[in-house]
């Protein structure tokens, strides 16, 4: 036809998988040499994988209560760790792991 076409495809998750296999690639492309090179030094990856950006809007709404509860829990544990650090290690009664926080909810959908 003598025309160029631009094609874009976007996929979203409509449900979360039971297991997710993630492959971290430790290679990069060297522009000057025009070759792939392996990164030989230790690579550190974040331990939290947030799939929300690739979820459907319906799934995001379904996960919203659990995400909010998880955020409150993480904020609480961070505050407690800071508090314990300020008071001196082990002096405070609050648990840095959040075990003293009441995270019970009436909504069953908000469980982890």
PDB file of N, CA and C in Angstrom:
ATOM      1  N   UNK A   1       0.812  -1.199   0.000  1.00  0.00           N
ATOM      2  CA  UNK A   1       0.000   0.000   0.000  1.00  0.00           C
ATOM      3  C   UNK A   1       0.855   1.263   0.000  1.00  0.00           C
ATOM      4  N   UNK A   2       2.126   1.120   0.283  1.00  0.00           N
ATOM      5  CA  UNK A   2       3.005   2.269   0.266  1.00  0.00           C
ATOM      6  C   UNK A   2       2.856   3.190   1.467  1.00  0.00           C
ATOM      7  N   UNK A   3       2.280   2.669   2.561  1.00  0.00           N
ATOM      8  CA  UNK A   3       2.099   3.491   3.762  1.00  0.00           C
ATOM      9  C   UNK A   3       2.745   2.798   4.956  1.00  0.00           C
ATOM     10  N   UNK A   4       3.208   3.609   5.903  1.00  0.00           N
ATOM     11  CA  UNK A   4       3.726   3.071   7.156  1.00  0.00           C
ATOM     12  C   UNK A   4       2.604   3.069   8.187  1.00  0.00           C
ATOM     13  N   UNK A   5       2.578   2.054   9.014  1.00  0.00           N
ATOM     14  CA  UNK A   5       1.574   1.970  10.068  1.00  0.00           C
ATOM     15  C   UNK A   5       2.275   1.867  11.414  1.00  0.00           C
ATOM     16  N   UNK A   6       1.692   2.499  12.394  1.00  0.00           N
ATOM     17  CA  UNK A   6       2.221   2.405  13.747  1.00  0.00           C
ATOM     18  C   UNK A   6       1.244   1.589  14.567  1.00  0.00           C
ATOM     19  N   UNK A   7       1.759   0.553  15.198  1.00  0.00           N
ATOM     20  CA  UNK A   7       0.919  -0.354  15.971  1.00  0.00           C
ATOM     21  C   UNK A   7       1.376  -0.346  17.415  1.00  0.00           C
ATOM     22  N   UNK A   8       0.457  -0.129  18.325  1.00  0.00           N
ATOM     23  CA  UNK A   8       0.760  -0.230  19.756  1.00  0.00           C
ATOM     24  C   UNK A   8      -0.238  -1.176  20.394  1.00  0.00           C
ATOM     25  N   UNK A   9       0.254  -1.946  21.323  1.00  0.00           N
ATOM     26  CA  UNK A   9      -0.588  -2.908  22.025  1.00  0.00           C
ATOM     27  C   UNK A   9      -0.352  -2.737  23.517  1.00  0.00           C
ATOM     28  N   UNK A  10      -1.431  -2.708  24.280  1.00  0.00           N
ATOM     29  CA  UNK A  10      -1.312  -2.590  25.726  1.00  0.00           C
ATOM     30  C   UNK A  10      -2.142  -3.691  26.360  1.00  0.00           C
ATOM     31  N   UNK A  11      -1.502  -4.479  27.207  1.00  0.00           N
ATOM     32  CA  UNK A  11      -2.188  -5.556  27.915  1.00  0.00           C
ATOM     33  C   UNK A  11      -2.325  -5.178  29.375  1.00  0.00           C
ATOM     34  N   UNK A  12      -3.426  -5.611  29.989  1.00  0.00           N
ATOM     35  CA  UNK A  12      -3.633  -5.376  31.413  1.00  0.00           C
ATOM     36  C   UNK A  12      -4.028  -6.685  32.076  1.00  0.00           C
ATOM     37  N   UNK A  13      -3.757  -6.758  33.378  1.00  0.00           N
ATOM     38  CA  UNK A  13      -4.148  -7.933  34.156  1.00  0.00           C
ATOM     39  C   UNK A  13      -5.586  -7.766  34.621  1.00  0.00           C
ATOM     40  N   UNK A  14      -6.400  -8.795  34.439  1.00  0.00           N
ATOM     41  CA  UNK A  14      -7.773  -8.762  34.942  1.00  0.00           C
ATOM     42  C   UNK A  14      -7.900  -9.573  36.231  1.00  0.00           C
ATOM     43  N   UNK A  15      -6.868 -10.344  36.545  1.00  0.00           N
ATOM     44  CA  UNK A  15      -6.777 -11.055  37.819  1.00  0.00           C
ATOM     45  C   UNK A  15      -5.313 -11.271  38.122  1.00  0.00           C
ATOM     46  N   UNK A  16      -4.991 -11.338  39.405  1.00  0.00           N
ATOM     47  CA  UNK A  16      -3.608 -11.553  39.794  1.00  0.00           C
ATOM     48  C   UNK A  16      -3.266 -13.034  39.728  1.00  0.00           C
ATOM     49  N   UNK A  17      -2.080 -13.365  39.251  1.00  0.00           N
ATOM     50  CA  UNK A  17      -1.694 -14.775  39.183  1.00  0.00           C
ATOM     51  C   UNK A  17      -1.370 -15.323  40.572  1.00  0.00           C
ATOM     52  N   UNK A  18      -1.537 -16.620  40.733  1.00  0.00           N
ATOM     53  CA  UNK A  18      -1.170 -17.271  41.980  1.00  0.00           C
ATOM     54  C   UNK A  18       0.334 -17.179  42.177  1.00  0.00           C
ATOM     55  N   UNK A  19       1.064 -17.422  41.110  1.00  0.00           N
ATOM     56  CA  UNK A  19       2.523 -17.311  41.119  1.00  0.00           C
ATOM     57  C   UNK A  19       2.936 -16.403  39.966  1.00  0.00           C
ATOM     58  N   UNK A  20       3.933 -15.588  40.199  1.00  0.00           N
ATOM     59  CA  UNK A  20       4.461 -14.735  39.141  1.00  0.00           C
ATOM     60  C   UNK A  20       5.946 -15.031  38.986  1.00  0.00           C
ATOM     61  N   UNK A  21       6.335 -15.384  37.790  1.00  0.00           N
ATOM     62  CA  UNK A  21       7.737 -15.635  37.497  1.00  0.00           C
ATOM     63  C   UNK A  21       8.295 -14.367  36.871  1.00  0.00           C
ATOM     64  N   UNK A  22       9.342 -13.843  37.476  1.00  0.00           N
ATOM     65  CA  UNK A  22       9.936 -12.602  37.004  1.00  0.00           C
ATOM     66  C   UNK A  22      11.381 -12.883  36.609  1.00  0.00           C
ATOM     67  N   UNK A  23      11.743 -12.484  35.413  1.00  0.00           N
ATOM     68  CA  UNK A  23      13.097 -12.681  34.914  1.00  0.00           C
ATOM     69  C   UNK A  23      13.794 -11.328  34.873  1.00  0.00           C
ATOM     70  N   UNK A  24      14.792 -11.150  35.725  1.00  0.00           N
ATOM     71  CA  UNK A  24      15.565  -9.913  35.744  1.00  0.00           C
ATOM     72  C   UNK A  24      16.754 -10.069  34.805  1.00  0.00           C
ATOM     73  N   UNK A  25      16.826  -9.225  33.843  1.00  0.00           N
ATOM     74  CA  UNK A  25      17.895  -9.292  32.864  1.00  0.00           C
ATOM     75  C   UNK A  25      19.041  -8.393  33.313  1.00  0.00           C
ATOM     76  N   UNK A  26      20.229  -8.961  33.357  1.00  0.00           N
ATOM     77  CA  UNK A  26      21.403  -8.201  33.786  1.00  0.00           C
ATOM     78  C   UNK A  26      22.298  -7.884  32.589  1.00  0.00           C
ATOM     79  N   UNK A  27      21.697  -7.451  31.510  1.00  0.00           N
ATOM     80  CA  UNK A  27      22.442  -7.082  30.316  1.00  0.00           C
ATOM     81  C   UNK A  27      22.076  -5.667  29.922  1.00  0.00           C
ATOM     82  N   UNK A  28      22.976  -5.035  29.221  1.00  0.00           N
ATOM     83  CA  UNK A  28      22.696  -3.720  28.667  1.00  0.00           C
ATOM     84  C   UNK A  28      23.351  -3.628  27.294  1.00  0.00           C
ATOM     85  N   UNK A  29      22.907  -2.678  26.520  1.00  0.00           N
ATOM     86  CA  UNK A  29      23.398  -2.521  25.158  1.00  0.00           C
ATOM     87  C   UNK A  29      24.417  -1.392  25.098  1.00  0.00           C
ATOM     88  N   UNK A  30      25.630  -1.701  24.622  1.00  0.00           N
ATOM     89  CA  UNK A  30      26.662  -0.681  24.450  1.00  0.00           C
ATOM     90  C   UNK A  30      26.492  -0.064  23.068  1.00  0.00           C
ATOM     91  N   UNK A  31      26.164   1.207  23.061  1.00  0.00           N
ATOM     92  CA  UNK A  31      25.887   1.903  21.809  1.00  0.00           C
ATOM     93  C   UNK A  31      27.133   1.967  20.925  1.00  0.00           C
ATOM     94  N   UNK A  32      28.289   2.309  21.511  1.00  0.00           N
ATOM     95  CA  UNK A  32      29.516   2.469  20.717  1.00  0.00           C
ATOM     96  C   UNK A  32      29.929   1.177  20.023  1.00  0.00           C
ATOM     97  N   UNK A  33      29.951   0.090  20.793  1.00  0.00           N
ATOM     98  CA  UNK A  33      30.379  -1.193  20.228  1.00  0.00           C
ATOM     99  C   UNK A  33      29.245  -1.935  19.539  1.00  0.00           C
ATOM    100  N   UNK A  34      28.027  -1.492  19.744  1.00  0.00           N
ATOM    101  CA  UNK A  34      26.818  -2.128  19.211  1.00  0.00           C
ATOM    102  C   UNK A  34      26.773  -3.607  19.587  1.00  0.00           C
ATOM    103  N   UNK A  35      26.868  -3.845  20.898  1.00  0.00           N
ATOM    104  CA  UNK A  35      26.842  -5.204  21.400  1.00  0.00           C
ATOM    105  C   UNK A  35      26.183  -5.255  22.777  1.00  0.00           C
ATOM    106  N   UNK A  36      25.649  -6.409  23.121  1.00  0.00           N
ATOM    107  CA  UNK A  36      25.086  -6.623  24.451  1.00  0.00           C
ATOM    108  C   UNK A  36      26.195  -7.018  25.404  1.00  0.00           C
ATOM    109  N   UNK A  37      26.164  -6.478  26.614  1.00  0.00           N
ATOM    110  CA  UNK A  37      27.172  -6.783  27.628  1.00  0.00           C
ATOM    111  C   UNK A  37      26.482  -7.172  28.924  1.00  0.00           C
ATOM    112  N   UNK A  38      27.075  -8.133  29.614  1.00  0.00           N
ATOM    113  CA  UNK A  38      26.540  -8.561  30.896  1.00  0.00           C
ATOM    114  C   UNK A  38      27.058  -7.649  31.999  1.00  0.00           C
ATOM    115  N   UNK A  39      26.193  -7.294  32.920  1.00  0.00           N
ATOM    116  CA  UNK A  39      26.583  -6.514  34.090  1.00  0.00           C
ATOM    117  C   UNK A  39      27.161  -7.496  35.096  1.00  0.00           C
ATOM    118  N   UNK A  40      28.423  -7.358  35.419  1.00  0.00           N
ATOM    119  CA  UNK A  40      29.100  -8.326  36.280  1.00  0.00           C
ATOM    120  C   UNK A  40      29.048  -7.988  37.764  1.00  0.00           C
ATOM    121  N   UNK A  41      28.757  -6.743  38.104  1.00  0.00           N
ATOM    122  CA  UNK A  41      28.688  -6.384  39.522  1.00  0.00           C
ATOM    123  C   UNK A  41      27.317  -6.773  40.085  1.00  0.00           C
ATOM    124  N   UNK A  42      27.223  -6.811  41.415  1.00  0.00           N
ATOM    125  CA  UNK A  42      25.961  -7.156  42.059  1.00  0.00           C
ATOM    126  C   UNK A  42      24.887  -6.143  41.686  1.00  0.00           C
ATOM    127  N   UNK A  43      23.722  -6.654  41.349  1.00  0.00           N
ATOM    128  CA  UNK A  43      22.591  -5.798  41.013  1.00  0.00           C
ATOM    129  C   UNK A  43      21.557  -5.959  42.108  1.00  0.00           C
ATOM    130  N   UNK A  44      21.126  -4.867  42.671  1.00  0.00           N
ATOM    131  CA  UNK A  44      20.133  -4.902  43.742  1.00  0.00           C
ATOM    132  C   UNK A  44      18.770  -4.532  43.166  1.00  0.00           C
ATOM    133  N   UNK A  45      17.780  -5.345  43.475  1.00  0.00           N
ATOM    134  CA  UNK A  45      16.420  -5.113  43.025  1.00  0.00           C
ATOM    135  C   UNK A  45      15.539  -4.847  44.236  1.00  0.00           C
ATOM    136  N   UNK A  46      14.529  -4.047  44.041  1.00  0.00           N
ATOM    137  CA  UNK A  46      13.564  -3.765  45.094  1.00  0.00           C
ATOM    138  C   UNK A  46      12.823  -5.055  45.425  1.00  0.00           C
ATOM    139  N   UNK A  47      12.509  -5.273  46.703  1.00  0.00           N
ATOM    140  CA  UNK A  47      11.813  -6.495  47.104  1.00  0.00           C
ATOM    141  C   UNK A  47      10.301  -6.383  46.923  1.00  0.00           C
ATOM    142  N   UNK A  48       9.804  -5.205  46.616  1.00  0.00           N
ATOM    143  CA  UNK A  48       8.377  -4.996  46.427  1.00  0.00           C
ATOM    144  C   UNK A  48       8.059  -4.892  44.942  1.00  0.00           C
ATOM    145  N   UNK A  49       7.134  -5.712  44.485  1.00  0.00           N
ATOM    146  CA  UNK A  49       6.694  -5.672  43.094  1.00  0.00           C
ATOM    147  C   UNK A  49       5.256  -5.177  43.069  1.00  0.00           C
ATOM    148  N   UNK A  50       5.049  -3.971  42.577  1.00  0.00           N
ATOM    149  CA  UNK A  50       3.720  -3.374  42.514  1.00  0.00           C
ATOM    150  C   UNK A  50       3.139  -3.592  41.126  1.00  0.00           C
ATOM    151  N   UNK A  51       2.102  -4.424  41.026  1.00  0.00           N
ATOM    152  CA  UNK A  51       1.485  -4.724  39.742  1.00  0.00           C
ATOM    153  C   UNK A  51       0.321  -3.798  39.409  1.00  0.00           C
ATOM    154  N   UNK A  52       0.019  -2.857  40.278  1.00  0.00           N
ATOM    155  CA  UNK A  52      -1.120  -1.957  40.053  1.00  0.00           C
ATOM    156  C   UNK A  52      -1.064  -1.216  38.720  1.00  0.00           C
ATOM    157  N   UNK A  53       0.090  -0.719  38.290  1.00  0.00           N
ATOM    158  CA  UNK A  53       0.113   0.010  37.018  1.00  0.00           C
ATOM    159  C   UNK A  53      -0.299  -0.831  35.804  1.00  0.00           C
ATOM    160  N   UNK A  54      -0.205  -2.159  35.911  1.00  0.00           N
ATOM    161  CA  UNK A  54      -0.585  -2.991  34.767  1.00  0.00           C
ATOM    162  C   UNK A  54      -1.891  -3.752  34.994  1.00  0.00           C
ATOM    163  N   UNK A  55      -2.649  -3.360  36.026  1.00  0.00           N
ATOM    164  CA  UNK A  55      -3.944  -3.978  36.310  1.00  0.00           C
ATOM    165  C   UNK A  55      -5.066  -3.210  35.627  1.00  0.00           C
ATOM    166  N   UNK A  56      -6.153  -3.925  35.333  1.00  0.00           N
ATOM    167  CA  UNK A  56      -7.336  -3.274  34.769  1.00  0.00           C
ATOM    168  C   UNK A  56      -7.961  -2.378  35.835  1.00  0.00           C
ATOM    169  N   UNK A  57      -8.777  -1.428  35.405  1.00  0.00           N
ATOM    170  CA  UNK A  57      -9.416  -0.505  36.352  1.00  0.00           C
ATOM    171  C   UNK A  57     -10.308  -1.271  37.330  1.00  0.00           C
ATOM    172  N   UNK A  58     -10.990  -2.299  36.842  1.00  0.00           N
ATOM    173  CA  UNK A  58     -11.862  -3.115  37.699  1.00  0.00           C
ATOM    174  C   UNK A  58     -11.053  -3.823  38.785  1.00  0.00           C
ATOM    175  N   UNK A  59      -9.912  -4.373  38.414  1.00  0.00           N
ATOM    176  CA  UNK A  59      -9.058  -5.059  39.385  1.00  0.00           C
ATOM    177  C   UNK A  59      -8.445  -4.062  40.372  1.00  0.00           C
ATOM    178  N   UNK A  60      -8.085  -2.874  39.896  1.00  0.00           N
ATOM    179  CA  UNK A  60      -7.546  -1.850  40.797  1.00  0.00           C
ATOM    180  C   UNK A  60      -8.555  -1.491  41.877  1.00  0.00           C
ATOM    181  N   UNK A  61      -9.827  -1.354  41.493  1.00  0.00           N
ATOM    182  CA  UNK A  61     -10.874  -1.036  42.471  1.00  0.00           C
ATOM    183  C   UNK A  61     -11.044  -2.173  43.473  1.00  0.00           C
ATOM    184  N   UNK A  62     -10.954  -3.402  42.993  1.00  0.00           N
ATOM    185  CA  UNK A  62     -11.100  -4.568  43.858  1.00  0.00           C
ATOM    186  C   UNK A  62      -9.950  -4.657  44.868  1.00  0.00           C
ATOM    187  N   UNK A  63      -8.754  -4.256  44.447  1.00  0.00           N
ATOM    188  CA  UNK A  63      -7.575  -4.342  45.299  1.00  0.00           C
ATOM    189  C   UNK A  63      -7.377  -3.112  46.179  1.00  0.00           C
ATOM    190  N   UNK A  64      -8.123  -2.066  45.937  1.00  0.00           N
ATOM    191  CA  UNK A  64      -7.925  -0.797  46.643  1.00  0.00           C
ATOM    192  C   UNK A  64      -7.972  -0.920  48.171  1.00  0.00           C
ATOM    193  N   UNK A  65      -8.968  -1.602  48.774  1.00  0.00           N
ATOM    194  CA  UNK A  65      -8.988  -1.706  50.247  1.00  0.00           C
ATOM    195  C   UNK A  65      -7.742  -2.390  50.818  1.00  0.00           C
ATOM    196  N   UNK A  66      -7.289  -3.456  50.179  1.00  0.00           N
ATOM    197  CA  UNK A  66      -6.100  -4.160  50.670  1.00  0.00           C
ATOM    198  C   UNK A  66      -4.855  -3.310  50.495  1.00  0.00           C
ATOM    199  N   UNK A  67      -4.765  -2.562  49.406  1.00  0.00           N
ATOM    200  CA  UNK A  67      -3.606  -1.692  49.183  1.00  0.00           C
ATOM    201  C   UNK A  67      -3.558  -0.581  50.230  1.00  0.00           C
ATOM    202  N   UNK A  68      -4.731  -0.019  50.556  1.00  0.00           N
ATOM    203  CA  UNK A  68      -4.790   1.044  51.570  1.00  0.00           C
ATOM    204  C   UNK A  68      -4.404   0.504  52.942  1.00  0.00           C
ATOM    205  N   UNK A  69      -4.890  -0.694  53.271  1.00  0.00           N
ATOM    206  CA  UNK A  69      -4.552  -1.311  54.550  1.00  0.00           C
ATOM    207  C   UNK A  69      -3.050  -1.612  54.607  1.00  0.00           C
ATOM    208  N   UNK A  70      -2.501  -2.099  53.524  1.00  0.00           N
ATOM    209  CA  UNK A  70      -1.075  -2.393  53.469  1.00  0.00           C
ATOM    210  C   UNK A  70      -0.259  -1.107  53.616  1.00  0.00           C
ATOM    211  N   UNK A  71      -0.698  -0.020  53.010  1.00  0.00           N
ATOM    212  CA  UNK A  71      -0.009   1.263  53.128  1.00  0.00           C
ATOM    213  C   UNK A  71      -0.045   1.754  54.579  1.00  0.00           C
ATOM    214  N   UNK A  72      -1.220   1.640  55.226  1.00  0.00           N
ATOM    215  CA  UNK A  72      -1.322   2.050  56.633  1.00  0.00           C
ATOM    216  C   UNK A  72      -0.379   1.222  57.500  1.00  0.00           C
ATOM    217  N   UNK A  73      -0.323  -0.071  57.250  1.00  0.00           N
ATOM    218  CA  UNK A  73       0.548  -0.962  58.011  1.00  0.00           C
ATOM    219  C   UNK A  73       2.017  -0.582  57.812  1.00  0.00           C
ATOM    220  N   UNK A  74       2.421  -0.358  56.566  1.00  0.00           N
ATOM    221  CA  UNK A  74       3.808   0.014  56.279  1.00  0.00           C
ATOM    222  C   UNK A  74       4.160   1.364  56.895  1.00  0.00           C
ATOM    223  N   UNK A  75       3.236   2.319  56.824  1.00  0.00           N
ATOM    224  CA  UNK A  75       3.465   3.627  57.447  1.00  0.00           C
ATOM    225  C   UNK A  75       3.623   3.476  58.962  1.00  0.00           C
ATOM    226  N   UNK A  76       2.764   2.661  59.551  1.00  0.00           N
ATOM    227  CA  UNK A  76       2.803   2.446  60.999  1.00  0.00           C
ATOM    228  C   UNK A  76       4.134   1.811  61.422  1.00  0.00           C
ATOM    229  N   UNK A  77       4.557   0.754  60.712  1.00  0.00           N
ATOM    230  CA  UNK A  77       5.802   0.085  61.091  1.00  0.00           C
ATOM    231  C   UNK A  77       6.998   1.011  60.902  1.00  0.00           C
ATOM    232  N   UNK A  78       6.968   1.854  59.874  1.00  0.00           N
ATOM    233  CA  UNK A  78       8.062   2.813  59.672  1.00  0.00           C
ATOM    234  C   UNK A  78       8.093   3.833  60.807  1.00  0.00           C
ATOM    235  N   UNK A  79       6.917   4.315  61.219  1.00  0.00           N
ATOM    236  CA  UNK A  79       6.842   5.263  62.332  1.00  0.00           C
ATOM    237  C   UNK A  79       7.343   4.629  63.624  1.00  0.00           C
ATOM    238  N   UNK A  80       6.971   3.382  63.864  1.00  0.00           N
ATOM    239  CA  UNK A  80       7.398   2.699  65.081  1.00  0.00           C
ATOM    240  C   UNK A  80       8.908   2.470  65.080  1.00  0.00           C
ATOM    241  N   UNK A  81       9.465   2.142  63.928  1.00  0.00           N
ATOM    242  CA  UNK A  81      10.912   1.947  63.844  1.00  0.00           C
ATOM    243  C   UNK A  81      11.640   3.251  64.134  1.00  0.00           C
ATOM    244  N   UNK A  82      11.132   4.357  63.615  1.00  0.00           N
ATOM    245  CA  UNK A  82      11.733   5.667  63.881  1.00  0.00           C
ATOM    246  C   UNK A  82      11.611   6.001  65.358  1.00  0.00           C
ATOM    247  N   UNK A  83      10.439   5.713  65.921  1.00  0.00           N
ATOM    248  CA  UNK A  83      10.203   5.985  67.343  1.00  0.00           C
ATOM    249  C   UNK A  83      11.157   5.175  68.218  1.00  0.00           C
ATOM    250  N   UNK A  84      11.320   3.899  67.912  1.00  0.00           N
ATOM    251  CA  UNK A  84      12.236   3.053  68.684  1.00  0.00           C
ATOM    252  C   UNK A  84      13.676   3.519  68.545  1.00  0.00           C
ATOM    253  N   UNK A  85      14.034   3.969  67.362  1.00  0.00           N
ATOM    254  CA  UNK A  85      15.396   4.440  67.139  1.00  0.00           C
ATOM    255  C   UNK A  85      15.674   5.705  67.959  1.00  0.00           C
ATOM    256  N   UNK A  86      14.667   6.587  68.008  1.00  0.00           N
ATOM    257  CA  UNK A  86      14.816   7.823  68.790  1.00  0.00           C
ATOM    258  C   UNK A  86      14.930   7.527  70.279  1.00  0.00           C
ATOM    259  N   UNK A  87      14.122   6.579  70.758  1.00  0.00           N
ATOM    260  CA  UNK A  87      14.094   6.260  72.189  1.00  0.00           C
ATOM    261  C   UNK A  87      15.277   5.393  72.615  1.00  0.00           C
ATOM    262  N   UNK A  88      15.946   4.844  71.675  1.00  0.00           N
ATOM    263  CA  UNK A  88      17.026   3.909  71.997  1.00  0.00           C
ATOM    264  C   UNK A  88      16.514   2.501  71.793  1.00  0.00           C
ATOM    265  N   UNK A  89      17.321   1.658  71.260  1.00  0.00           N
ATOM    266  CA  UNK A  89      16.895   0.302  70.892  1.00  0.00           C
ATOM    267  C   UNK A  89      16.350  -0.459  72.086  1.00  0.00           C
ATOM    268  N   UNK A  90      15.133  -0.988  71.920  1.00  0.00           N
ATOM    269  CA  UNK A  90      14.527  -1.844  72.928  1.00  0.00           C
ATOM    270  C   UNK A  90      13.880  -1.156  74.101  1.00  0.00           C
ATOM    271  N   UNK A  91      13.958   0.153  74.215  1.00  0.00           N
ATOM    272  CA  UNK A  91      13.395   0.843  75.371  1.00  0.00           C
ATOM    273  C   UNK A  91      11.891   1.032  75.267  1.00  0.00           C
ATOM    274  N   UNK A  92      11.381   1.197  74.018  1.00  0.00           N
ATOM    275  CA  UNK A  92       9.954   1.446  73.840  1.00  0.00           C
ATOM    276  C   UNK A  92       9.141   0.171  73.926  1.00  0.00           C
ATOM    277  N   UNK A  93       7.849   0.300  74.251  1.00  0.00           N
ATOM    278  CA  UNK A  93       6.965  -0.862  74.326  1.00  0.00           C
ATOM    279  C   UNK A  93       6.441  -1.261  72.957  1.00  0.00           C
ATOM    280  N   UNK A  94       6.357  -0.320  72.035  1.00  0.00           N
ATOM    281  CA  UNK A  94       5.807  -0.602  70.710  1.00  0.00           C
ATOM    282  C   UNK A  94       6.732  -1.539  69.942  1.00  0.00           C
ATOM    283  N   UNK A  95       6.143  -2.433  69.189  1.00  0.00           N
ATOM    284  CA  UNK A  95       6.894  -3.382  68.383  1.00  0.00           C
ATOM    285  C   UNK A  95       7.201  -2.773  67.027  1.00  0.00           C
ATOM    286  N   UNK A  96       8.438  -2.832  66.602  1.00  0.00           N
ATOM    287  CA  UNK A  96       8.834  -2.267  65.312  1.00  0.00           C
ATOM    288  C   UNK A  96       8.251  -3.055  64.152  1.00  0.00           C
ATOM    289  N   UNK A  97       7.882  -4.321  64.388  1.00  0.00           N
ATOM    290  CA  UNK A  97       7.326  -5.114  63.297  1.00  0.00           C
ATOM    291  C   UNK A  97       5.832  -4.904  63.136  1.00  0.00           C
ATOM    292  N   UNK A  98       5.232  -4.061  63.932  1.00  0.00           N
ATOM    293  CA  UNK A  98       3.815  -3.752  63.809  1.00  0.00           C
ATOM    294  C   UNK A  98       2.904  -4.774  64.457  1.00  0.00           C
ATOM    295  N   UNK A  99       3.458  -5.690  65.256  1.00  0.00           N
ATOM    296  CA  UNK A  99       2.635  -6.740  65.851  1.00  0.00           C
ATOM    297  C   UNK A  99       1.663  -6.197  66.896  1.00  0.00           C
ATOM    298  N   UNK A 100       1.879  -4.968  67.354  1.00  0.00           N
ATOM    299  CA  UNK A 100       0.956  -4.378  68.314  1.00  0.00           C
ATOM    300  C   UNK A 100      -0.141  -3.561  67.634  1.00  0.00           C
ATOM    301  N   UNK A 101      -0.127  -3.496  66.309  1.00  0.00           N
ATOM    302  CA  UNK A 101      -1.115  -2.709  65.575  1.00  0.00           C
ATOM    303  C   UNK A 101      -2.343  -3.555  65.288  1.00  0.00           C
ATOM    304  N   UNK A 102      -3.531  -2.999  65.512  1.00  0.00           N
ATOM    305  CA  UNK A 102      -4.773  -3.683  65.192  1.00  0.00           C
ATOM    306  C   UNK A 102      -5.108  -3.411  63.732  1.00  0.00           C
ATOM    307  N   UNK A 103      -4.969  -4.439  62.886  1.00  0.00           N
ATOM    308  CA  UNK A 103      -5.234  -4.264  61.464  1.00  0.00           C
ATOM    309  C   UNK A 103      -6.510  -4.985  61.038  1.00  0.00           C
ATOM    310  N   UNK A 104      -7.337  -5.372  62.003  1.00  0.00           N
ATOM    311  CA  UNK A 104      -8.565  -6.084  61.660  1.00  0.00           C
ATOM    312  C   UNK A 104      -9.515  -5.164  60.910  1.00  0.00           C
ATOM    313  N   UNK A 105     -10.223  -5.753  59.955  1.00  0.00           N
ATOM    314  CA  UNK A 105     -11.155  -5.002  59.110  1.00  0.00           C
ATOM    315  C   UNK A 105     -12.447  -5.838  59.028  1.00  0.00           C
ATOM    316  N   UNK A 106     -13.556  -5.145  58.854  1.00  0.00           N
ATOM    317  CA  UNK A 106     -14.820  -5.849  58.657  1.00  0.00           C
ATOM    318  C   UNK A 106     -14.914  -6.398  57.251  1.00  0.00           C
ATOM    319  N   UNK A 107     -14.279  -5.751  56.311  1.00  0.00           N
ATOM    320  CA  UNK A 107     -14.347  -6.139  54.907  1.00  0.00           C
ATOM    321  C   UNK A 107     -13.358  -7.274  54.635  1.00  0.00           C
ATOM    322  N   UNK A 108     -13.834  -8.444  54.227  1.00  0.00           N
ATOM    323  CA  UNK A 108     -12.969  -9.582  53.971  1.00  0.00           C
ATOM    324  C   UNK A 108     -12.110  -9.389  52.737  1.00  0.00           C
ATOM    325  N   UNK A 109     -12.545  -8.541  51.802  1.00  0.00           N
ATOM    326  CA  UNK A 109     -11.780  -8.311  50.574  1.00  0.00           C
ATOM    327  C   UNK A 109     -10.491  -7.572  50.843  1.00  0.00           C
ATOM    328  N   UNK A 110     -10.347  -7.009  52.025  1.00  0.00           N
ATOM    329  CA  UNK A 110      -9.157  -6.217  52.296  1.00  0.00           C
ATOM    330  C   UNK A 110      -8.037  -7.047  52.922  1.00  0.00           C
ATOM    331  N   UNK A 111      -8.209  -8.357  53.046  1.00  0.00           N
ATOM    332  CA  UNK A 111      -7.159  -9.177  53.615  1.00  0.00           C
ATOM    333  C   UNK A 111      -6.074  -9.391  52.578  1.00  0.00           C
ATOM    334  N   UNK A 112      -4.858  -9.665  53.054  1.00  0.00           N
ATOM    335  CA  UNK A 112      -3.723  -9.802  52.149  1.00  0.00           C
ATOM    336  C   UNK A 112      -3.744 -11.137  51.478  1.00  0.00           C
TER     337      UNK A 112
END
